[in-house]
Amino acid sequence: MTRLHGAALELKSVAMRVKILGAGPTGSLLALALAQLGASVRLYDPLTVEELPKRSRAYALTHSSRRLLQSLDLWDPLNSHLTPFTKLQLDDQELNRHTCFEIDDLSIQNQAHGAVGWILDHRPLMELLLERLKNQPTVSLDLGELDKQGLDGHDLVFAADGPASPTREAWGIKTWSHRYQQGCLTAKVLLRGAGPLTAYELFRAEGPLAVLPMGGDVFQVVWSGPLRCCQERAGLHPSHFLDQLAAVLPEGLQPDVLLDHPAAFPLQLSLAHQLQRGRGVLVGESGHRCHPIGGQGLNLCWRDVSTLIKLVRLSNKDTLPVAKLPRLYARSRFLDLVCVGLMTDLTVRMFSSRNLLMLMLRMPLMVLLARLPWMRQVLLKAMTDGPITVVRLLSS
């Protein structure tokens, strides 16, 4: 009986065969999640296992991502690399108005975890994911290799190969996109004068500037502005770069040392016309992209992964045919993607404008945010759990 039961489990564990194209944070996390659900996974990426962790980037994680990492037994192993922030300070530098989001503005369930959010560096995240994937017997890593976008005997193909996704192009899926006049520059710096466990989002006429704590005096700067300016700043001598950064930071914050080479890239809002084609599925930035304001990007991608986990569980219980999973995924994700895209786009347009009407709208908004806890709670819930949770709360 035991042998037959084990054989049945083994057959079930390889019942779903999937191919994932792209082994960045989203593709690798999806591969690990599906393997833990018993799927046989083949993961492809043109970068090698040594190259994948080398990106100099930090991510702001919200509570929706915390729950996903906890469910996959990744949160505790990453704990020593996570930098929590207990205060998010919003500054409208044009109006000289400020407001702070703190732990008391979180939902009761999220307050228990002691942080508004966390900052995580790319390298320890990728090293842990790749280590876990190597130890999964049902995962085949084809790193440093390209693969065709067809099924090739697999039940599903997931494209997690980024905003310029060659898979999306091969599948003939078009995207709606809007290129912002802004670009974005990221850099790590040593910074003096910042509040303890405080993250900053500064609204400026040329674009938002985020200053994210990474432990000690190390901060990640996410600096939006005209793309040409971002590219020019990225090529500056470190001392000149720090001088320009010091000129736009709030009084009391002083950058001392540039820790990496700044990277500049264009910004756009985009959404694929459809998130699936047959049994092929677009995941993460291959299917959508938003402005990085509020650190929504990776968290939005990882909510794609959370949705797929729920659907694969239904498939494992024989309540959802595999062939119907891609279309159901596309329908399930649409509202969240549209809400986040509109929310980030509206925020950027409103707070990057010197238009008198916009300034007249922003003044009472900043005053009310500072004075009304319920407004901060609603906005923070949308940022940390996703705007759909607010829609559901208001409709219940």
Protein backbone atom coordinates (compact mmCIF):
# COMPACT_ATOMS: atom_id res chain seq x y z
CA MET A 1 0.00 0.00 0.00
CA THR A 2 2.81 2.41 0.92
CA ARG A 3 4.62 1.71 -2.36
CA LEU A 4 1.44 2.32 -4.38
CA HIS A 5 0.72 5.52 -2.48
CA GLY A 6 4.27 6.75 -3.13
CA ALA A 7 3.95 5.93 -6.82
CA ALA A 8 0.70 7.88 -6.98
CA LEU A 9 2.35 10.88 -5.39
CA GLU A 10 5.25 10.63 -7.82
CA LEU A 11 2.87 10.55 -10.78
CA LYS A 12 1.00 13.54 -9.37
CA SER A 13 4.27 15.45 -8.79
CA VAL A 14 5.11 15.41 -12.50
CA ALA A 15 1.52 15.76 -13.74
CA MET A 16 2.14 19.36 -14.78
CA ARG A 17 5.18 20.15 -16.93
CA VAL A 18 6.03 23.84 -17.32
CA LYS A 19 8.67 25.91 -19.02
CA ILE A 20 9.67 29.34 -17.67
CA LEU A 21 11.58 31.80 -19.83
CA GLY A 22 13.46 34.30 -17.67
CA ALA A 23 15.18 33.62 -14.34
CA GLY A 24 15.06 37.05 -12.74
CA PRO A 25 13.37 37.56 -9.35
CA THR A 26 9.89 36.89 -10.78
CA GLY A 27 10.75 33.93 -13.02
CA SER A 28 12.89 32.23 -10.37
CA LEU A 29 10.29 32.76 -7.65
CA LEU A 30 7.59 31.32 -9.91
CA ALA A 31 9.80 28.32 -10.74
CA LEU A 32 10.36 27.59 -7.05
CA ALA A 33 6.68 28.00 -6.19
CA LEU A 34 5.53 25.66 -8.96
CA ALA A 35 8.17 23.08 -8.07
CA GLN A 36 6.93 23.11 -4.47
CA LEU A 37 3.45 22.43 -5.84
CA GLY A 38 4.73 19.31 -7.60
CA ALA A 39 5.25 20.64 -11.13
CA SER A 40 8.19 19.64 -13.30
CA VAL A 41 9.90 22.93 -14.19
CA ARG A 42 12.42 23.83 -16.86
CA LEU A 43 13.89 27.32 -16.31
CA TYR A 44 15.73 29.17 -19.08
CA ASP A 45 17.68 32.42 -19.06
CA PRO A 46 20.43 33.84 -21.31
CA LEU A 47 22.39 34.86 -18.19
CA THR A 48 24.47 32.31 -16.30
CA VAL A 49 24.09 31.37 -12.66
CA GLU A 50 27.07 33.64 -11.89
CA GLU A 51 25.65 36.59 -13.82
CA LEU A 52 22.08 36.56 -12.52
CA PRO A 53 22.86 37.91 -8.99
CA LYS A 54 25.20 40.68 -10.20
CA ARG A 55 22.62 43.39 -10.80
CA SER A 56 23.12 46.41 -8.50
CA ARG A 57 19.54 47.04 -7.42
CA ALA A 58 17.41 47.07 -4.30
CA TYR A 59 13.69 46.37 -4.03
CA ALA A 60 11.02 47.80 -1.73
CA LEU A 61 8.90 44.91 -0.49
CA THR A 62 5.35 45.38 0.76
CA HIS A 63 3.22 43.12 2.91
CA SER A 64 1.76 41.31 -0.11
CA SER A 65 5.30 40.20 -1.00
CA ARG A 66 6.06 39.34 2.62
CA ARG A 67 3.13 36.92 2.70
CA LEU A 68 4.25 35.28 -0.54
CA LEU A 69 7.84 34.82 0.66
CA GLN A 70 6.61 33.44 3.98
CA SER A 71 4.39 30.92 2.21
CA LEU A 72 7.42 29.68 0.26
CA ASP A 73 9.66 29.48 3.36
CA LEU A 74 11.94 32.26 2.07
CA TRP A 75 11.22 35.06 4.52
CA ASP A 76 13.22 33.81 7.48
CA PRO A 77 16.32 32.91 5.39
CA LEU A 78 16.26 36.45 3.97
CA ASN A 79 15.69 38.08 7.35
CA SER A 80 19.30 39.17 7.90
CA HIS A 81 19.27 40.92 4.49
CA LEU A 82 15.95 42.73 4.97
CA THR A 83 16.05 46.34 6.14
CA PRO A 84 12.69 47.33 7.64
CA PHE A 85 11.43 50.90 7.63
CA THR A 86 8.85 51.99 10.17
CA LYS A 87 8.21 55.41 8.65
CA LEU A 88 7.60 56.54 5.08
CA GLN A 89 7.99 60.30 4.78
CA LEU A 90 6.30 62.05 1.86
CA ASP A 91 7.57 65.53 0.99
CA ASP A 92 6.01 67.85 -1.58
CA GLN A 93 9.00 70.07 -2.18
CA GLU A 94 7.07 72.55 -4.33
CA LEU A 95 4.54 73.23 -1.57
CA ASN A 96 6.87 72.51 1.35
CA ARG A 97 4.29 70.09 2.78
CA HIS A 98 5.07 66.83 4.55
CA THR A 99 3.22 63.78 5.83
CA CYS A 100 4.36 60.48 7.31
CA PHE A 101 3.01 56.96 7.06
CA GLU A 102 3.81 54.91 10.16
CA ILE A 103 3.06 51.47 11.55
CA ASP A 104 -0.19 52.70 13.14
CA ASP A 105 -1.47 53.45 9.63
CA LEU A 106 -1.23 49.77 8.65
CA SER A 107 -4.06 47.27 9.01
CA ILE A 108 -4.12 45.40 12.30
CA GLN A 109 -2.82 42.22 10.63
CA ASN A 110 0.16 44.03 9.11
CA GLN A 111 1.00 46.05 12.23
CA ALA A 112 2.04 42.84 13.97
CA HIS A 113 5.04 42.54 11.63
CA GLY A 114 6.61 45.78 12.85
CA ALA A 115 7.37 47.55 9.56
CA VAL A 116 5.70 49.63 6.89
CA GLY A 117 7.90 47.84 4.35
CA TRP A 118 11.33 46.36 3.75
CA ILE A 119 14.28 47.00 1.44
CA LEU A 120 16.04 43.96 -0.02
CA ASP A 121 19.15 43.89 -2.18
CA HIS A 122 19.06 41.95 -5.44
CA ARG A 123 22.11 39.76 -4.78
CA PRO A 124 21.03 37.88 -1.60
CA LEU A 125 17.55 37.42 -3.05
CA MET A 126 18.84 35.84 -6.27
CA GLU A 127 21.49 33.76 -4.49
CA LEU A 128 18.83 32.24 -2.21
CA LEU A 129 16.40 31.58 -5.07
CA LEU A 130 19.07 29.93 -7.21
CA GLU A 131 20.29 27.83 -4.28
CA ARG A 132 16.75 26.61 -3.57
CA LEU A 133 16.15 25.88 -7.25
CA LYS A 134 19.33 23.79 -7.48
CA ASN A 135 18.05 21.66 -4.60
CA GLN A 136 14.64 21.05 -6.18
CA PRO A 137 14.68 17.63 -7.87
CA THR A 138 11.89 18.58 -10.31
CA VAL A 139 13.65 21.75 -11.58
CA SER A 140 16.00 21.78 -14.58
CA LEU A 141 18.14 24.92 -14.82
CA ASP A 142 19.11 25.87 -18.36
CA LEU A 143 20.95 29.08 -17.52
CA GLY A 144 23.16 30.80 -20.04
CA GLU A 145 20.90 29.40 -22.77
CA LEU A 146 18.11 30.65 -25.02
CA ASP A 147 15.05 28.58 -25.85
CA LYS A 148 12.23 28.76 -28.33
CA GLN A 149 8.89 29.96 -27.07
CA GLY A 150 6.90 26.84 -28.02
CA LEU A 151 5.38 24.25 -25.68
CA ASP A 152 7.80 21.45 -26.69
CA GLY A 153 5.77 18.88 -24.77
CA HIS A 154 5.13 21.15 -21.77
CA ASP A 155 1.66 21.86 -20.44
CA LEU A 156 2.29 25.59 -19.94
CA VAL A 157 4.92 28.17 -20.91
CA PHE A 158 5.48 31.22 -18.69
CA ALA A 159 7.28 34.23 -20.15
CA ALA A 160 9.07 36.21 -17.41
CA ASP A 161 11.69 37.69 -19.71
CA GLY A 162 11.22 41.36 -18.93
CA PRO A 163 9.71 44.48 -20.52
CA ALA A 164 11.39 43.88 -23.90
CA SER A 165 10.12 40.27 -23.86
CA PRO A 166 11.16 38.45 -27.05
CA THR A 167 8.61 35.78 -26.12
CA ARG A 168 5.76 38.28 -26.16
CA GLU A 169 6.93 39.46 -29.57
CA ALA A 170 7.18 35.88 -30.87
CA TRP A 171 3.63 35.18 -29.66
CA GLY A 172 2.40 38.25 -31.54
CA ILE A 173 0.99 39.96 -28.44
CA LYS A 174 0.92 43.74 -28.75
CA THR A 175 1.15 46.17 -25.85
CA TRP A 176 -0.41 49.47 -24.99
CA SER A 177 2.37 51.71 -23.73
CA HIS A 178 3.03 55.30 -22.75
CA ARG A 179 6.61 56.51 -22.53
CA TYR A 180 7.08 59.01 -19.76
CA GLN A 181 9.14 62.11 -20.40
CA GLN A 182 11.03 61.00 -17.31
CA GLY A 183 13.79 58.47 -16.95
CA CYS A 184 15.03 56.87 -13.75
CA LEU A 185 18.47 56.65 -12.17
CA THR A 186 19.36 54.19 -9.40
CA ALA A 187 22.42 54.37 -7.17
CA LYS A 188 23.60 53.26 -3.74
CA VAL A 189 25.13 55.90 -1.48
CA LEU A 190 26.35 56.46 2.06
CA LEU A 191 24.05 59.10 3.51
CA ARG A 192 24.23 61.14 6.71
CA GLY A 193 21.34 62.72 8.60
CA ALA A 194 18.50 60.36 7.66
CA GLY A 195 15.98 59.38 10.32
CA PRO A 196 16.32 55.88 11.78
CA LEU A 197 14.35 53.25 9.84
CA THR A 198 12.90 55.96 7.58
CA ALA A 199 12.22 55.82 3.83
CA TYR A 200 11.65 59.01 1.87
CA GLU A 201 9.51 59.78 -1.19
CA LEU A 202 10.19 63.31 -2.41
CA PHE A 203 7.83 64.89 -4.94
CA ARG A 204 9.69 67.28 -7.21
CA ALA A 205 8.75 69.07 -10.44
CA GLU A 206 11.18 67.00 -12.55
CA GLY A 207 9.95 63.73 -11.00
CA PRO A 208 9.84 61.79 -7.71
CA LEU A 209 12.98 60.88 -5.77
CA ALA A 210 12.95 57.90 -3.39
CA VAL A 211 15.60 57.37 -0.71
CA LEU A 212 15.42 53.83 0.68
CA PRO A 213 17.34 52.54 3.74
CA MET A 214 19.50 49.44 3.25
CA GLY A 215 21.03 49.23 6.74
CA GLY A 216 23.39 51.54 8.57
CA ASP A 217 24.13 54.62 6.47
CA VAL A 218 23.62 52.83 3.12
CA PHE A 219 20.67 54.01 1.01
CA GLN A 220 19.31 53.22 -2.43
CA VAL A 221 18.40 56.33 -4.42
CA VAL A 222 15.71 56.05 -7.12
CA TRP A 223 15.91 59.41 -8.89
CA SER A 224 13.40 60.30 -11.61
CA GLY A 225 13.90 63.14 -14.07
CA PRO A 226 14.24 63.87 -17.77
CA LEU A 227 15.91 60.82 -19.35
CA ARG A 228 18.79 62.85 -20.79
CA CYS A 229 19.49 64.33 -17.34
CA CYS A 230 19.45 60.86 -15.76
CA GLN A 231 21.90 59.57 -18.36
CA GLU A 232 24.19 62.57 -17.88
CA ARG A 233 24.11 62.17 -14.09
CA ALA A 234 24.93 58.47 -14.42
CA GLY A 235 28.13 59.42 -16.28
CA LEU A 236 29.29 62.06 -13.82
CA HIS A 237 32.40 61.76 -11.69
CA PRO A 238 31.32 60.45 -8.25
CA SER A 239 32.07 63.77 -6.50
CA HIS A 240 30.01 65.72 -9.05
CA PHE A 241 27.19 63.18 -8.81
CA LEU A 242 27.11 63.54 -5.01
CA ASP A 243 27.08 67.34 -5.33
CA GLN A 244 24.02 67.20 -7.60
CA LEU A 245 22.29 64.72 -5.31
CA ALA A 246 22.99 66.87 -2.23
CA ALA A 247 21.32 69.82 -3.96
CA VAL A 248 17.95 68.02 -4.25
CA LEU A 249 17.83 66.13 -0.94
CA PRO A 250 15.91 67.59 2.03
CA GLU A 251 17.81 69.75 4.45
CA GLY A 252 19.86 67.62 6.84
CA LEU A 253 20.47 64.71 4.44
CA GLN A 254 24.02 64.65 3.11
CA PRO A 255 25.46 62.04 0.70
CA ASP A 256 29.08 61.12 1.45
CA VAL A 257 30.12 58.21 -0.79
CA LEU A 258 28.84 56.71 -4.04
CA LEU A 259 28.92 52.91 -3.62
CA ASP A 260 28.19 51.69 -7.15
CA HIS A 261 27.94 52.90 -10.71
CA PRO A 262 24.59 54.66 -11.24
CA ALA A 263 22.29 53.11 -13.84
CA ALA A 264 19.80 55.12 -15.93
CA PHE A 265 16.87 53.72 -17.89
CA PRO A 266 13.67 55.03 -19.53
CA LEU A 267 10.31 54.80 -17.79
CA GLN A 268 7.04 53.71 -19.29
CA LEU A 269 3.55 52.60 -18.42
CA SER A 270 2.61 49.50 -20.40
CA LEU A 271 0.10 46.67 -20.44
CA ALA A 272 -0.07 43.80 -22.91
CA HIS A 273 -3.31 43.57 -24.89
CA GLN A 274 -3.62 40.06 -23.47
CA LEU A 275 -1.65 38.20 -20.82
CA GLN A 276 -1.89 34.82 -22.52
CA ARG A 277 -1.81 33.19 -25.91
CA GLY A 278 -3.00 29.60 -25.96
CA ARG A 279 -1.08 27.87 -23.16
CA GLY A 280 1.50 30.65 -22.98
CA VAL A 281 1.33 33.15 -20.09
CA LEU A 282 2.99 36.55 -19.61
CA VAL A 283 4.24 37.06 -16.04
CA GLY A 284 5.76 40.16 -14.48
CA GLU A 285 7.19 42.92 -16.66
CA SER A 286 6.78 40.89 -19.84
CA GLY A 287 3.08 41.70 -19.49
CA HIS A 288 2.99 45.03 -17.64
CA ARG A 289 5.11 47.86 -16.35
CA CYS A 290 4.42 50.92 -14.19
CA HIS A 291 6.29 53.93 -12.84
CA PRO A 292 8.54 52.90 -9.91
CA ILE A 293 6.98 55.48 -7.59
CA GLY A 294 6.00 53.87 -4.31
CA GLY A 295 8.07 50.77 -5.10
CA GLN A 296 5.08 49.06 -6.74
CA GLY A 297 6.90 47.30 -9.60
CA LEU A 298 8.25 44.06 -8.11
CA ASN A 299 5.33 43.70 -5.71
CA LEU A 300 2.92 43.88 -8.64
CA CYS A 301 4.94 41.19 -10.46
CA TRP A 302 4.93 38.96 -7.41
CA ARG A 303 1.16 39.25 -7.11
CA ASP A 304 1.15 37.63 -10.57
CA VAL A 305 3.02 34.73 -8.94
CA SER A 306 0.57 34.59 -6.01
CA THR A 307 -2.36 34.35 -8.44
CA LEU A 308 -0.69 31.55 -10.40
CA ILE A 309 -0.01 29.62 -7.19
CA LYS A 310 -3.73 29.71 -6.33
CA LEU A 311 -4.71 28.56 -9.82
CA VAL A 312 -2.16 25.72 -9.93
CA ARG A 313 -3.46 24.50 -6.57
CA LEU A 314 -6.94 24.35 -8.07
CA SER A 315 -5.54 22.44 -11.04
CA ASN A 316 -3.81 19.99 -8.71
CA LYS A 317 -7.18 19.32 -7.09
CA ASP A 318 -8.68 18.61 -10.53
CA THR A 319 -11.11 21.54 -10.14
CA LEU A 320 -9.45 23.60 -12.89
CA PRO A 321 -8.33 22.10 -16.22
CA VAL A 322 -4.78 23.13 -17.11
CA ALA A 323 -5.92 24.41 -20.50
CA LYS A 324 -8.23 26.96 -18.82
CA LEU A 325 -5.62 28.26 -16.37
CA PRO A 326 -4.00 30.90 -18.66
CA ARG A 327 -7.28 32.63 -19.52
CA LEU A 328 -8.45 32.60 -15.90
CA TYR A 329 -5.10 34.06 -14.83
CA ALA A 330 -5.44 36.89 -17.35
CA ARG A 331 -8.93 37.74 -16.09
CA SER A 332 -7.86 37.55 -12.44
CA ARG A 333 -4.94 39.94 -12.85
CA PHE A 334 -6.55 42.59 -15.06
CA LEU A 335 -8.14 44.80 -12.39
CA ASP A 336 -5.06 44.89 -10.13
CA LEU A 337 -2.78 45.78 -13.04
CA VAL A 338 -5.07 48.55 -14.28
CA CYS A 339 -5.59 50.01 -10.79
CA VAL A 340 -1.88 50.13 -9.98
CA GLY A 341 -1.04 51.55 -13.41
CA LEU A 342 -3.63 54.30 -13.07
CA MET A 343 -2.73 55.01 -9.44
CA THR A 344 1.00 55.42 -10.12
CA ASP A 345 0.40 57.38 -13.33
CA LEU A 346 -2.01 59.80 -11.66
CA THR A 347 0.39 60.33 -8.75
CA VAL A 348 3.29 61.11 -11.08
CA ARG A 349 1.23 63.49 -13.20
CA MET A 350 -0.19 65.32 -10.22
CA PHE A 351 3.01 65.69 -8.23
CA SER A 352 5.36 66.40 -11.16
CA SER A 353 3.41 69.43 -12.30
CA ARG A 354 3.73 73.13 -11.58
CA ASN A 355 0.32 73.77 -13.12
CA LEU A 356 -1.68 76.09 -10.84
CA LEU A 357 -4.73 73.81 -10.84
CA MET A 358 -2.60 70.81 -9.83
CA LEU A 359 -0.95 72.82 -7.07
CA MET A 360 -4.41 73.83 -5.81
CA LEU A 361 -5.43 70.17 -5.70
CA ARG A 362 -2.24 69.01 -4.02
CA MET A 363 -2.35 71.52 -1.16
CA PRO A 364 -5.59 70.26 0.46
CA LEU A 365 -4.62 66.66 -0.32
CA MET A 366 -1.33 66.96 1.58
CA VAL A 367 -3.09 68.77 4.45
CA LEU A 368 -5.79 66.10 4.70
CA LEU A 369 -3.26 63.26 4.53
CA ALA A 370 -1.38 64.79 7.45
CA ARG A 371 -4.53 65.31 9.52
CA LEU A 372 -6.78 62.33 8.71
CA PRO A 373 -5.52 58.90 9.81
CA TRP A 374 -8.21 57.06 7.80
CA MET A 375 -6.92 58.57 4.53
CA ARG A 376 -3.39 57.40 5.30
CA GLN A 377 -4.73 53.96 6.23
CA VAL A 378 -6.65 53.57 2.95
CA LEU A 379 -3.72 54.76 0.83
CA LEU A 380 -1.21 52.62 2.70
CA LYS A 381 -3.43 49.54 2.39
CA ALA A 382 -3.58 50.10 -1.38
CA MET A 383 0.22 50.41 -1.48
CA THR A 384 1.04 47.45 0.77
CA ASP A 385 -1.71 44.90 -0.03
CA GLY A 386 -2.74 46.05 -3.49
CA PRO A 387 -5.59 48.40 -4.49
CA ILE A 388 -7.97 45.47 -5.04
CA THR A 389 -8.06 44.89 -1.29
CA VAL A 390 -9.34 48.46 -0.84
CA VAL A 391 -11.98 47.97 -3.56
CA ARG A 392 -13.16 44.78 -1.86
CA LEU A 393 -13.19 46.49 1.54
CA LEU A 394 -15.28 49.42 0.28
CA SER A 395 -17.71 47.14 -1.57
CA SER A 396 -18.29 44.81 1.40
